[in-house]
Amino acid sequence: MKLCFPLLFSTLAFGYEDTCAPFHEIYKDGTELCELMWQDSFEVVDDEDRGYTMWFFDAENNPNDAMTRLLKGNDTEADQCGLNSRFHKDTPSPEGDGMGECHPWKNNACCDKTTVGSVEQLNGAYGEGFEWNRCGVMSQSCERFFVQEVCFYECEPNAGLYRKFNSTQTEHPEFNEWQMYKMPIKKSYCNAWYDACYNDYFCGGGNFFECGAGYNTKLKEKNAAEEKKGKNLVIGVSVAGGVAALGLLVAGLLICKEKTGKPFFAPNKSEIS
């Protein structure tokens, strides 16, 4: 019986996510995955020597710093956290060994270590409807790439050099301070992501933001339907409760009459004779 409840709740949790499909049916390759999933935030490049990476292992030497100097000039330095994410600092600074999941950036990060401490924290960082596992539990190899992408977006100082809008575009109808635009990403990285998630499931047409919006729409519809159902149930319960209460009252009266020797349904004299 213990297994039944998690399965039940899992079904309920994803019951309104009805657009799920395998990665290999949504995206044709790693390039399409990186460029479509995050809208136009990234641009996949074939030349390995002219693209950023979302993950590295040497905290003493962030390879993305050298890539910025190559692509934007030696005088360009990512010394400001240009993306105004919910968790971004104003300027990058060290976070130390307590960095948790996003440890490559511990020596220089735009994120605070208290906001990137675990997979669960990263997955829920942007609120309900924007989790990466809305189509169910992902394989660990696939999930790691989503962890890396969130760490990259939140912690990488160089990401701020690729803002979609600058401070002179505030009148633009789509203006925001958090969106990236065509940051060059190594094709090999995106291909590895595609291979890791090949048989995992994602939702919608593969756009993370549209998928989240669709999720919230369906969630509102579901909640509205449940609220209506709940009201109808309350009315039904109230009527049934009234009938039950009346029944109990009548039953109590009959029992009382029986005990006093004056039953309602006592046989008449003719029946006795």
C-alpha atoms as a PDB file:
ATOM      1  CA  MET A   1       0.000   0.000   0.000  1.00  0.00           C
ATOM      2  CA  LYS A   2       2.891   2.389   0.624  1.00  0.00           C
ATOM      3  CA  LEU A   3       3.671   2.470  -3.098  1.00  0.00           C
ATOM      4  CA  CYS A   4       0.163   3.457  -4.119  1.00  0.00           C
ATOM      5  CA  PHE A   5       0.203   6.945  -2.623  1.00  0.00           C
ATOM      6  CA  PRO A   6       3.352   8.290  -4.315  1.00  0.00           C
ATOM      7  CA  LEU A   7       2.107   6.982  -7.655  1.00  0.00           C
ATOM      8  CA  LEU A   8      -1.260   8.586  -7.081  1.00  0.00           C
ATOM      9  CA  PHE A   9       0.207  11.955  -6.156  1.00  0.00           C
ATOM     10  CA  SER A  10       2.618  11.779  -9.089  1.00  0.00           C
ATOM     11  CA  THR A  11      -0.307  11.302 -11.455  1.00  0.00           C
ATOM     12  CA  LEU A  12      -2.148  14.232  -9.911  1.00  0.00           C
ATOM     13  CA  ALA A  13       0.911  16.459  -9.989  1.00  0.00           C
ATOM     14  CA  PHE A  14       1.446  16.051 -13.720  1.00  0.00           C
ATOM     15  CA  GLY A  15      -2.161  15.401 -14.736  1.00  0.00           C
ATOM     16  CA  TYR A  16      -2.498  18.816 -16.381  1.00  0.00           C
ATOM     17  CA  GLU A  17       0.808  18.501 -18.282  1.00  0.00           C
ATOM     18  CA  ASP A  18      -0.596  16.770 -21.345  1.00  0.00           C
ATOM     19  CA  THR A  19       1.977  17.846 -23.947  1.00  0.00           C
ATOM     20  CA  CYS A  20       4.897  15.663 -22.893  1.00  0.00           C
ATOM     21  CA  ALA A  21       7.062  13.922 -25.484  1.00  0.00           C
ATOM     22  CA  PRO A  22      10.573  12.435 -25.658  1.00  0.00           C
ATOM     23  CA  PHE A  23      13.408  14.865 -26.304  1.00  0.00           C
ATOM     24  CA  HIS A  24      14.296  13.155 -29.585  1.00  0.00           C
ATOM     25  CA  GLU A  25      10.774  13.805 -30.879  1.00  0.00           C
ATOM     26  CA  ILE A  26      10.835  17.483 -29.866  1.00  0.00           C
ATOM     27  CA  TYR A  27      14.381  18.379 -30.960  1.00  0.00           C
ATOM     28  CA  LYS A  28      16.235  17.027 -33.983  1.00  0.00           C
ATOM     29  CA  ASP A  29      19.696  17.604 -32.449  1.00  0.00           C
ATOM     30  CA  GLY A  30      21.667  19.417 -29.765  1.00  0.00           C
ATOM     31  CA  THR A  31      21.687  22.683 -31.685  1.00  0.00           C
ATOM     32  CA  GLU A  32      17.910  22.801 -31.812  1.00  0.00           C
ATOM     33  CA  LEU A  33      17.700  21.892 -28.124  1.00  0.00           C
ATOM     34  CA  CYS A  34      19.939  24.778 -26.961  1.00  0.00           C
ATOM     35  CA  GLU A  35      18.485  27.342 -29.352  1.00  0.00           C
ATOM     36  CA  LEU A  36      14.814  26.400 -29.004  1.00  0.00           C
ATOM     37  CA  MET A  37      14.511  25.509 -25.331  1.00  0.00           C
ATOM     38  CA  TRP A  38      15.830  28.877 -24.136  1.00  0.00           C
ATOM     39  CA  GLN A  39      14.224  30.852 -26.954  1.00  0.00           C
ATOM     40  CA  ASP A  40      17.007  32.956 -28.494  1.00  0.00           C
ATOM     41  CA  SER A  41      19.221  33.138 -25.413  1.00  0.00           C
ATOM     42  CA  PHE A  42      21.933  30.960 -26.986  1.00  0.00           C
ATOM     43  CA  GLU A  43      23.464  30.598 -30.401  1.00  0.00           C
ATOM     44  CA  VAL A  44      25.232  27.306 -31.077  1.00  0.00           C
ATOM     45  CA  VAL A  45      28.607  27.619 -32.825  1.00  0.00           C
ATOM     46  CA  ASP A  46      30.515  24.873 -34.658  1.00  0.00           C
ATOM     47  CA  ASP A  47      33.895  26.387 -33.857  1.00  0.00           C
ATOM     48  CA  GLU A  48      34.884  25.073 -30.443  1.00  0.00           C
ATOM     49  CA  ASP A  49      37.327  27.936 -30.064  1.00  0.00           C
ATOM     50  CA  ARG A  50      34.628  30.613 -30.313  1.00  0.00           C
ATOM     51  CA  GLY A  51      31.945  29.407 -27.912  1.00  0.00           C
ATOM     52  CA  TYR A  52      31.220  29.543 -24.193  1.00  0.00           C
ATOM     53  CA  THR A  53      30.571  26.508 -22.052  1.00  0.00           C
ATOM     54  CA  MET A  54      27.933  26.110 -19.344  1.00  0.00           C
ATOM     55  CA  TRP A  55      30.181  24.027 -17.119  1.00  0.00           C
ATOM     56  CA  PHE A  56      33.839  23.704 -16.195  1.00  0.00           C
ATOM     57  CA  PHE A  57      35.853  22.060 -13.439  1.00  0.00           C
ATOM     58  CA  ASP A  58      38.713  24.424 -12.611  1.00  0.00           C
ATOM     59  CA  ALA A  59      37.368  27.056 -10.228  1.00  0.00           C
ATOM     60  CA  GLU A  60      40.715  28.856 -10.455  1.00  0.00           C
ATOM     61  CA  ASN A  61      40.352  29.406 -14.182  1.00  0.00           C
ATOM     62  CA  ASN A  62      36.940  30.139 -15.701  1.00  0.00           C
ATOM     63  CA  PRO A  63      37.391  29.485 -19.463  1.00  0.00           C
ATOM     64  CA  ASN A  64      34.529  31.868 -20.237  1.00  0.00           C
ATOM     65  CA  ASP A  65      36.663  34.847 -19.185  1.00  0.00           C
ATOM     66  CA  ALA A  66      39.177  34.060 -21.919  1.00  0.00           C
ATOM     67  CA  MET A  67      36.352  33.559 -24.408  1.00  0.00           C
ATOM     68  CA  THR A  68      35.002  37.035 -23.661  1.00  0.00           C
ATOM     69  CA  ARG A  69      38.424  38.585 -24.286  1.00  0.00           C
ATOM     70  CA  LEU A  70      38.663  36.694 -27.574  1.00  0.00           C
ATOM     71  CA  LEU A  71      35.185  37.590 -28.829  1.00  0.00           C
ATOM     72  CA  LYS A  72      34.796  41.094 -27.422  1.00  0.00           C
ATOM     73  CA  GLY A  73      38.341  42.354 -27.059  1.00  0.00           C
ATOM     74  CA  ASN A  74      41.023  42.223 -24.393  1.00  0.00           C
ATOM     75  CA  ASP A  75      39.643  45.323 -22.695  1.00  0.00           C
ATOM     76  CA  THR A  76      36.265  43.693 -22.021  1.00  0.00           C
ATOM     77  CA  GLU A  77      35.858  42.407 -18.493  1.00  0.00           C
ATOM     78  CA  ALA A  78      32.752  40.924 -16.910  1.00  0.00           C
ATOM     79  CA  ASP A  79      32.955  42.923 -13.698  1.00  0.00           C
ATOM     80  CA  GLN A  80      29.199  43.563 -13.408  1.00  0.00           C
ATOM     81  CA  CYS A  81      26.294  41.132 -13.025  1.00  0.00           C
ATOM     82  CA  GLY A  82      24.408  42.479 -16.017  1.00  0.00           C
ATOM     83  CA  LEU A  83      21.367  40.208 -15.761  1.00  0.00           C
ATOM     84  CA  ASN A  84      18.788  41.298 -13.241  1.00  0.00           C
ATOM     85  CA  SER A  85      17.703  37.854 -12.174  1.00  0.00           C
ATOM     86  CA  ARG A  86      15.853  37.301  -8.929  1.00  0.00           C
ATOM     87  CA  PHE A  87      19.046  36.093  -7.274  1.00  0.00           C
ATOM     88  CA  HIS A  88      21.814  38.070  -8.980  1.00  0.00           C
ATOM     89  CA  LYS A  89      24.242  40.231  -7.099  1.00  0.00           C
ATOM     90  CA  ASP A  90      25.239  43.644  -8.456  1.00  0.00           C
ATOM     91  CA  THR A  91      28.863  42.631  -8.939  1.00  0.00           C
ATOM     92  CA  PRO A  92      30.570  39.215  -8.973  1.00  0.00           C
ATOM     93  CA  SER A  93      32.433  38.165  -5.860  1.00  0.00           C
ATOM     94  CA  PRO A  94      33.805  34.990  -4.205  1.00  0.00           C
ATOM     95  CA  GLU A  95      31.420  32.614  -2.446  1.00  0.00           C
ATOM     96  CA  GLY A  96      33.912  30.123  -1.037  1.00  0.00           C
ATOM     97  CA  ASP A  97      33.743  26.382  -0.508  1.00  0.00           C
ATOM     98  CA  GLY A  98      30.104  26.398   0.628  1.00  0.00           C
ATOM     99  CA  MET A  99      28.962  26.962  -2.944  1.00  0.00           C
ATOM    100  CA  GLY A 100      27.083  23.662  -3.238  1.00  0.00           C
ATOM    101  CA  GLU A 101      25.796  22.674  -6.669  1.00  0.00           C
ATOM    102  CA  CYS A 102      27.340  25.597  -8.563  1.00  0.00           C
ATOM    103  CA  HIS A 103      30.858  25.032  -7.203  1.00  0.00           C
ATOM    104  CA  PRO A 104      32.798  25.988 -10.404  1.00  0.00           C
ATOM    105  CA  TRP A 105      31.898  29.628  -9.705  1.00  0.00           C
ATOM    106  CA  LYS A 106      32.887  29.648  -6.035  1.00  0.00           C
ATOM    107  CA  ASN A 107      35.775  32.090  -6.637  1.00  0.00           C
ATOM    108  CA  ASN A 108      33.779  34.603  -8.658  1.00  0.00           C
ATOM    109  CA  ALA A 109      30.018  34.436  -8.926  1.00  0.00           C
ATOM    110  CA  CYS A 110      26.998  36.590  -9.668  1.00  0.00           C
ATOM    111  CA  CYS A 111      24.875  34.295  -7.509  1.00  0.00           C
ATOM    112  CA  ASP A 112      24.745  33.877  -3.757  1.00  0.00           C
ATOM    113  CA  LYS A 113      25.562  30.406  -2.439  1.00  0.00           C
ATOM    114  CA  THR A 114      22.390  30.394  -0.323  1.00  0.00           C
ATOM    115  CA  THR A 115      20.240  30.353  -3.479  1.00  0.00           C
ATOM    116  CA  VAL A 116      22.066  27.558  -5.328  1.00  0.00           C
ATOM    117  CA  GLY A 117      22.591  25.032  -2.579  1.00  0.00           C
ATOM    118  CA  SER A 118      20.853  21.953  -3.970  1.00  0.00           C
ATOM    119  CA  VAL A 119      19.203  20.437  -7.030  1.00  0.00           C
ATOM    120  CA  GLU A 120      15.775  20.893  -5.437  1.00  0.00           C
ATOM    121  CA  GLN A 121      16.472  24.559  -4.736  1.00  0.00           C
ATOM    122  CA  LEU A 122      17.592  25.196  -8.305  1.00  0.00           C
ATOM    123  CA  ASN A 123      14.643  23.322  -9.778  1.00  0.00           C
ATOM    124  CA  GLY A 124      12.132  25.365  -7.798  1.00  0.00           C
ATOM    125  CA  ALA A 125      13.947  28.691  -8.095  1.00  0.00           C
ATOM    126  CA  TYR A 126      11.554  30.273 -10.595  1.00  0.00           C
ATOM    127  CA  GLY A 127       8.285  29.112  -9.095  1.00  0.00           C
ATOM    128  CA  GLU A 128       5.610  26.567  -9.872  1.00  0.00           C
ATOM    129  CA  GLY A 129       5.324  25.742 -13.549  1.00  0.00           C
ATOM    130  CA  PHE A 130       8.983  26.426 -14.320  1.00  0.00           C
ATOM    131  CA  GLU A 131      10.524  23.213 -13.014  1.00  0.00           C
ATOM    132  CA  TRP A 132      12.456  21.160 -15.563  1.00  0.00           C
ATOM    133  CA  ASN A 133      10.846  17.858 -14.527  1.00  0.00           C
ATOM    134  CA  ARG A 134       7.223  18.741 -15.260  1.00  0.00           C
ATOM    135  CA  CYS A 135       6.886  15.562 -17.320  1.00  0.00           C
ATOM    136  CA  GLY A 136       8.073  13.325 -14.514  1.00  0.00           C
ATOM    137  CA  VAL A 137      11.364  12.239 -12.999  1.00  0.00           C
ATOM    138  CA  MET A 138      14.326  12.712 -15.348  1.00  0.00           C
ATOM    139  CA  SER A 139      17.356  10.497 -15.653  1.00  0.00           C
ATOM    140  CA  GLN A 140      20.229  11.781 -13.550  1.00  0.00           C
ATOM    141  CA  SER A 141      22.429  12.348 -16.600  1.00  0.00           C
ATOM    142  CA  CYS A 142      19.757  14.535 -18.212  1.00  0.00           C
ATOM    143  CA  GLU A 143      18.953  16.462 -15.062  1.00  0.00           C
ATOM    144  CA  ARG A 144      22.602  17.409 -14.567  1.00  0.00           C
ATOM    145  CA  PHE A 145      22.503  19.531 -17.717  1.00  0.00           C
ATOM    146  CA  PHE A 146      19.532  21.492 -16.380  1.00  0.00           C
ATOM    147  CA  VAL A 147      21.413  22.029 -13.124  1.00  0.00           C
ATOM    148  CA  GLN A 148      24.398  23.276 -15.112  1.00  0.00           C
ATOM    149  CA  GLU A 149      22.273  25.664 -17.171  1.00  0.00           C
ATOM    150  CA  VAL A 150      20.666  27.239 -14.082  1.00  0.00           C
ATOM    151  CA  CYS A 151      24.092  27.587 -12.440  1.00  0.00           C
ATOM    152  CA  PHE A 152      25.449  29.165 -15.612  1.00  0.00           C
ATOM    153  CA  TYR A 153      22.583  31.644 -15.866  1.00  0.00           C
ATOM    154  CA  GLU A 154      22.626  32.568 -12.186  1.00  0.00           C
ATOM    155  CA  CYS A 155      26.364  32.560 -11.515  1.00  0.00           C
ATOM    156  CA  GLU A 156      28.292  33.296 -14.733  1.00  0.00           C
ATOM    157  CA  PRO A 157      29.488  36.942 -14.862  1.00  0.00           C
ATOM    158  CA  ASN A 158      29.999  36.795 -18.649  1.00  0.00           C
ATOM    159  CA  ALA A 159      26.325  35.996 -19.245  1.00  0.00           C
ATOM    160  CA  GLY A 160      25.466  39.614 -18.475  1.00  0.00           C
ATOM    161  CA  LEU A 161      27.373  40.732 -21.583  1.00  0.00           C
ATOM    162  CA  TYR A 162      24.619  39.160 -23.687  1.00  0.00           C
ATOM    163  CA  ARG A 163      21.517  40.917 -22.443  1.00  0.00           C
ATOM    164  CA  LYS A 164      18.662  41.068 -24.948  1.00  0.00           C
ATOM    165  CA  PHE A 165      17.778  44.625 -23.967  1.00  0.00           C
ATOM    166  CA  ASN A 166      19.983  47.444 -22.754  1.00  0.00           C
ATOM    167  CA  SER A 167      19.168  50.459 -20.608  1.00  0.00           C
ATOM    168  CA  THR A 168      18.187  52.563 -23.651  1.00  0.00           C
ATOM    169  CA  GLN A 169      15.397  50.175 -24.672  1.00  0.00           C
ATOM    170  CA  THR A 170      13.060  50.555 -21.710  1.00  0.00           C
ATOM    171  CA  GLU A 171      10.192  51.612 -23.984  1.00  0.00           C
ATOM    172  CA  HIS A 172      10.304  48.346 -25.905  1.00  0.00           C
ATOM    173  CA  PRO A 173       7.048  46.397 -25.290  1.00  0.00           C
ATOM    174  CA  GLU A 174       9.012  43.263 -24.370  1.00  0.00           C
ATOM    175  CA  PHE A 175      11.711  44.985 -22.318  1.00  0.00           C
ATOM    176  CA  ASN A 176      13.132  43.063 -19.374  1.00  0.00           C
ATOM    177  CA  GLU A 177      16.444  42.962 -17.566  1.00  0.00           C
ATOM    178  CA  TRP A 178      16.806  39.226 -17.222  1.00  0.00           C
ATOM    179  CA  GLN A 179      16.748  37.827 -20.757  1.00  0.00           C
ATOM    180  CA  MET A 180      19.890  36.764 -22.624  1.00  0.00           C
ATOM    181  CA  TYR A 181      20.338  36.992 -26.390  1.00  0.00           C
ATOM    182  CA  LYS A 182      22.437  34.793 -28.704  1.00  0.00           C
ATOM    183  CA  MET A 183      25.295  33.989 -26.373  1.00  0.00           C
ATOM    184  CA  PRO A 184      27.611  31.661 -28.352  1.00  0.00           C
ATOM    185  CA  ILE A 185      27.616  28.127 -26.913  1.00  0.00           C
ATOM    186  CA  LYS A 186      29.856  25.243 -27.948  1.00  0.00           C
ATOM    187  CA  LYS A 187      28.067  22.765 -30.186  1.00  0.00           C
ATOM    188  CA  SER A 188      29.772  19.840 -28.453  1.00  0.00           C
ATOM    189  CA  TYR A 189      28.164  20.851 -25.156  1.00  0.00           C
ATOM    190  CA  CYS A 190      24.678  21.009 -26.682  1.00  0.00           C
ATOM    191  CA  ASN A 191      25.173  17.655 -28.421  1.00  0.00           C
ATOM    192  CA  ALA A 192      26.165  16.070 -25.116  1.00  0.00           C
ATOM    193  CA  TRP A 193      23.014  17.519 -23.539  1.00  0.00           C
ATOM    194  CA  TYR A 194      20.875  16.082 -26.338  1.00  0.00           C
ATOM    195  CA  ASP A 195      22.456  12.630 -25.991  1.00  0.00           C
ATOM    196  CA  ALA A 196      21.952  12.632 -22.215  1.00  0.00           C
ATOM    197  CA  CYS A 197      18.238  13.529 -22.515  1.00  0.00           C
ATOM    198  CA  TYR A 198      17.433  11.563 -25.691  1.00  0.00           C
ATOM    199  CA  ASN A 199      14.826   9.305 -24.073  1.00  0.00           C
ATOM    200  CA  ASP A 200      13.708  11.679 -21.309  1.00  0.00           C
ATOM    201  CA  TYR A 201      10.493  13.704 -21.591  1.00  0.00           C
ATOM    202  CA  PHE A 202       9.828  17.414 -21.908  1.00  0.00           C
ATOM    203  CA  CYS A 203       6.707  19.437 -22.557  1.00  0.00           C
ATOM    204  CA  GLY A 204       5.088  21.639 -25.182  1.00  0.00           C
ATOM    205  CA  GLY A 205       6.976  22.434 -28.340  1.00  0.00           C
ATOM    206  CA  GLY A 206      10.235  22.437 -26.433  1.00  0.00           C
ATOM    207  CA  ASN A 207      10.324  26.120 -25.423  1.00  0.00           C
ATOM    208  CA  PHE A 208      10.914  26.321 -21.680  1.00  0.00           C
ATOM    209  CA  PHE A 209       9.083  29.622 -21.238  1.00  0.00           C
ATOM    210  CA  GLU A 210       6.054  28.720 -23.364  1.00  0.00           C
ATOM    211  CA  CYS A 211       5.891  25.389 -21.583  1.00  0.00           C
ATOM    212  CA  GLY A 212       5.762  27.193 -18.239  1.00  0.00           C
ATOM    213  CA  ALA A 213       3.031  29.537 -19.453  1.00  0.00           C
ATOM    214  CA  GLY A 214       0.999  26.591 -20.742  1.00  0.00           C
ATOM    215  CA  TYR A 215       1.465  24.808 -17.437  1.00  0.00           C
ATOM    216  CA  ASN A 216       0.104  27.783 -15.489  1.00  0.00           C
ATOM    217  CA  THR A 217      -2.878  28.116 -17.828  1.00  0.00           C
ATOM    218  CA  LYS A 218      -3.775  24.466 -17.357  1.00  0.00           C
ATOM    219  CA  LEU A 219      -3.197  24.743 -13.624  1.00  0.00           C
ATOM    220  CA  LYS A 220      -5.639  27.670 -13.393  1.00  0.00           C
ATOM    221  CA  GLU A 221      -8.204  25.721 -15.407  1.00  0.00           C
ATOM    222  CA  LYS A 222      -7.706  22.720 -13.144  1.00  0.00           C
ATOM    223  CA  ASN A 223      -8.045  24.814  -9.981  1.00  0.00           C
ATOM    224  CA  ALA A 224     -11.178  26.526 -11.317  1.00  0.00           C
ATOM    225  CA  ALA A 225     -12.720  23.154 -12.152  1.00  0.00           C
ATOM    226  CA  GLU A 226     -11.857  21.799  -8.713  1.00  0.00           C
ATOM    227  CA  GLU A 227     -13.274  24.921  -7.043  1.00  0.00           C
ATOM    228  CA  LYS A 228     -16.533  24.512  -8.957  1.00  0.00           C
ATOM    229  CA  LYS A 229     -16.600  20.834  -8.144  1.00  0.00           C
ATOM    230  CA  GLY A 230     -15.924  21.665  -4.495  1.00  0.00           C
ATOM    231  CA  LYS A 231     -18.839  24.090  -4.376  1.00  0.00           C
ATOM    232  CA  ASN A 232     -21.146  21.513  -5.925  1.00  0.00           C
ATOM    233  CA  LEU A 233     -19.885  18.960  -3.453  1.00  0.00           C
ATOM    234  CA  VAL A 234     -20.565  21.297  -0.536  1.00  0.00           C
ATOM    235  CA  ILE A 235     -24.133  21.820  -1.764  1.00  0.00           C
ATOM    236  CA  GLY A 236     -24.574  18.075  -2.216  1.00  0.00           C
ATOM    237  CA  VAL A 237     -23.139  17.324   1.196  1.00  0.00           C
ATOM    238  CA  SER A 238     -25.316  19.990   2.765  1.00  0.00           C
ATOM    239  CA  VAL A 239     -28.494  18.527   1.250  1.00  0.00           C
ATOM    240  CA  ALA A 240     -27.432  14.993   2.101  1.00  0.00           C
ATOM    241  CA  GLY A 241     -26.502  16.122   5.586  1.00  0.00           C
ATOM    242  CA  GLY A 242     -29.901  17.736   6.050  1.00  0.00           C
ATOM    243  CA  VAL A 243     -31.668  14.592   4.934  1.00  0.00           C
ATOM    244  CA  ALA A 244     -29.458  12.490   7.207  1.00  0.00           C
ATOM    245  CA  ALA A 245     -30.106  14.795  10.155  1.00  0.00           C
ATOM    246  CA  LEU A 246     -33.859  14.598   9.564  1.00  0.00           C
ATOM    247  CA  GLY A 247     -33.594  10.833   9.374  1.00  0.00           C
ATOM    248  CA  LEU A 248     -31.734  10.714  12.673  1.00  0.00           C
ATOM    249  CA  LEU A 249     -34.346  12.969  14.258  1.00  0.00           C
ATOM    250  CA  VAL A 250     -37.201  10.738  13.094  1.00  0.00           C
ATOM    251  CA  ALA A 251     -35.329   7.626  14.177  1.00  0.00           C
ATOM    252  CA  GLY A 252     -34.704   9.126  17.586  1.00  0.00           C
ATOM    253  CA  LEU A 253     -38.382  10.014  17.946  1.00  0.00           C
ATOM    254  CA  LEU A 254     -39.441   6.485  17.000  1.00  0.00           C
ATOM    255  CA  ILE A 255     -37.022   4.976  19.515  1.00  0.00           C
ATOM    256  CA  CYS A 256     -38.250   7.348  22.207  1.00  0.00           C
ATOM    257  CA  LYS A 257     -41.858   6.337  21.522  1.00  0.00           C
ATOM    258  CA  GLU A 258     -40.910   2.674  21.624  1.00  0.00           C
ATOM    259  CA  LYS A 259     -39.272   3.103  25.024  1.00  0.00           C
ATOM    260  CA  THR A 260     -42.312   4.846  26.513  1.00  0.00           C
ATOM    261  CA  GLY A 261     -44.595   2.022  25.368  1.00  0.00           C
ATOM    262  CA  LYS A 262     -46.366   4.142  22.771  1.00  0.00           C
ATOM    263  CA  PRO A 263     -44.843   3.084  19.452  1.00  0.00           C
ATOM    264  CA  PHE A 264     -45.997   4.846  16.311  1.00  0.00           C
ATOM    265  CA  PHE A 265     -46.562   1.553  14.542  1.00  0.00           C
ATOM    266  CA  ALA A 266     -48.238  -0.443  17.311  1.00  0.00           C
ATOM    267  CA  PRO A 267     -50.819  -2.990  15.995  1.00  0.00           C
ATOM    268  CA  ASN A 268     -54.461  -1.948  16.470  1.00  0.00           C
ATOM    269  CA  LYS A 269     -56.928  -3.971  18.523  1.00  0.00           C
ATOM    270  CA  SER A 270     -58.457  -5.731  15.545  1.00  0.00           C
ATOM    271  CA  GLU A 271     -55.038  -6.970  14.483  1.00  0.00           C
ATOM    272  CA  ILE A 272     -54.383  -8.275  17.997  1.00  0.00           C
ATOM    273  CA  SER A 273     -57.656 -10.179  18.133  1.00  0.00           C
END
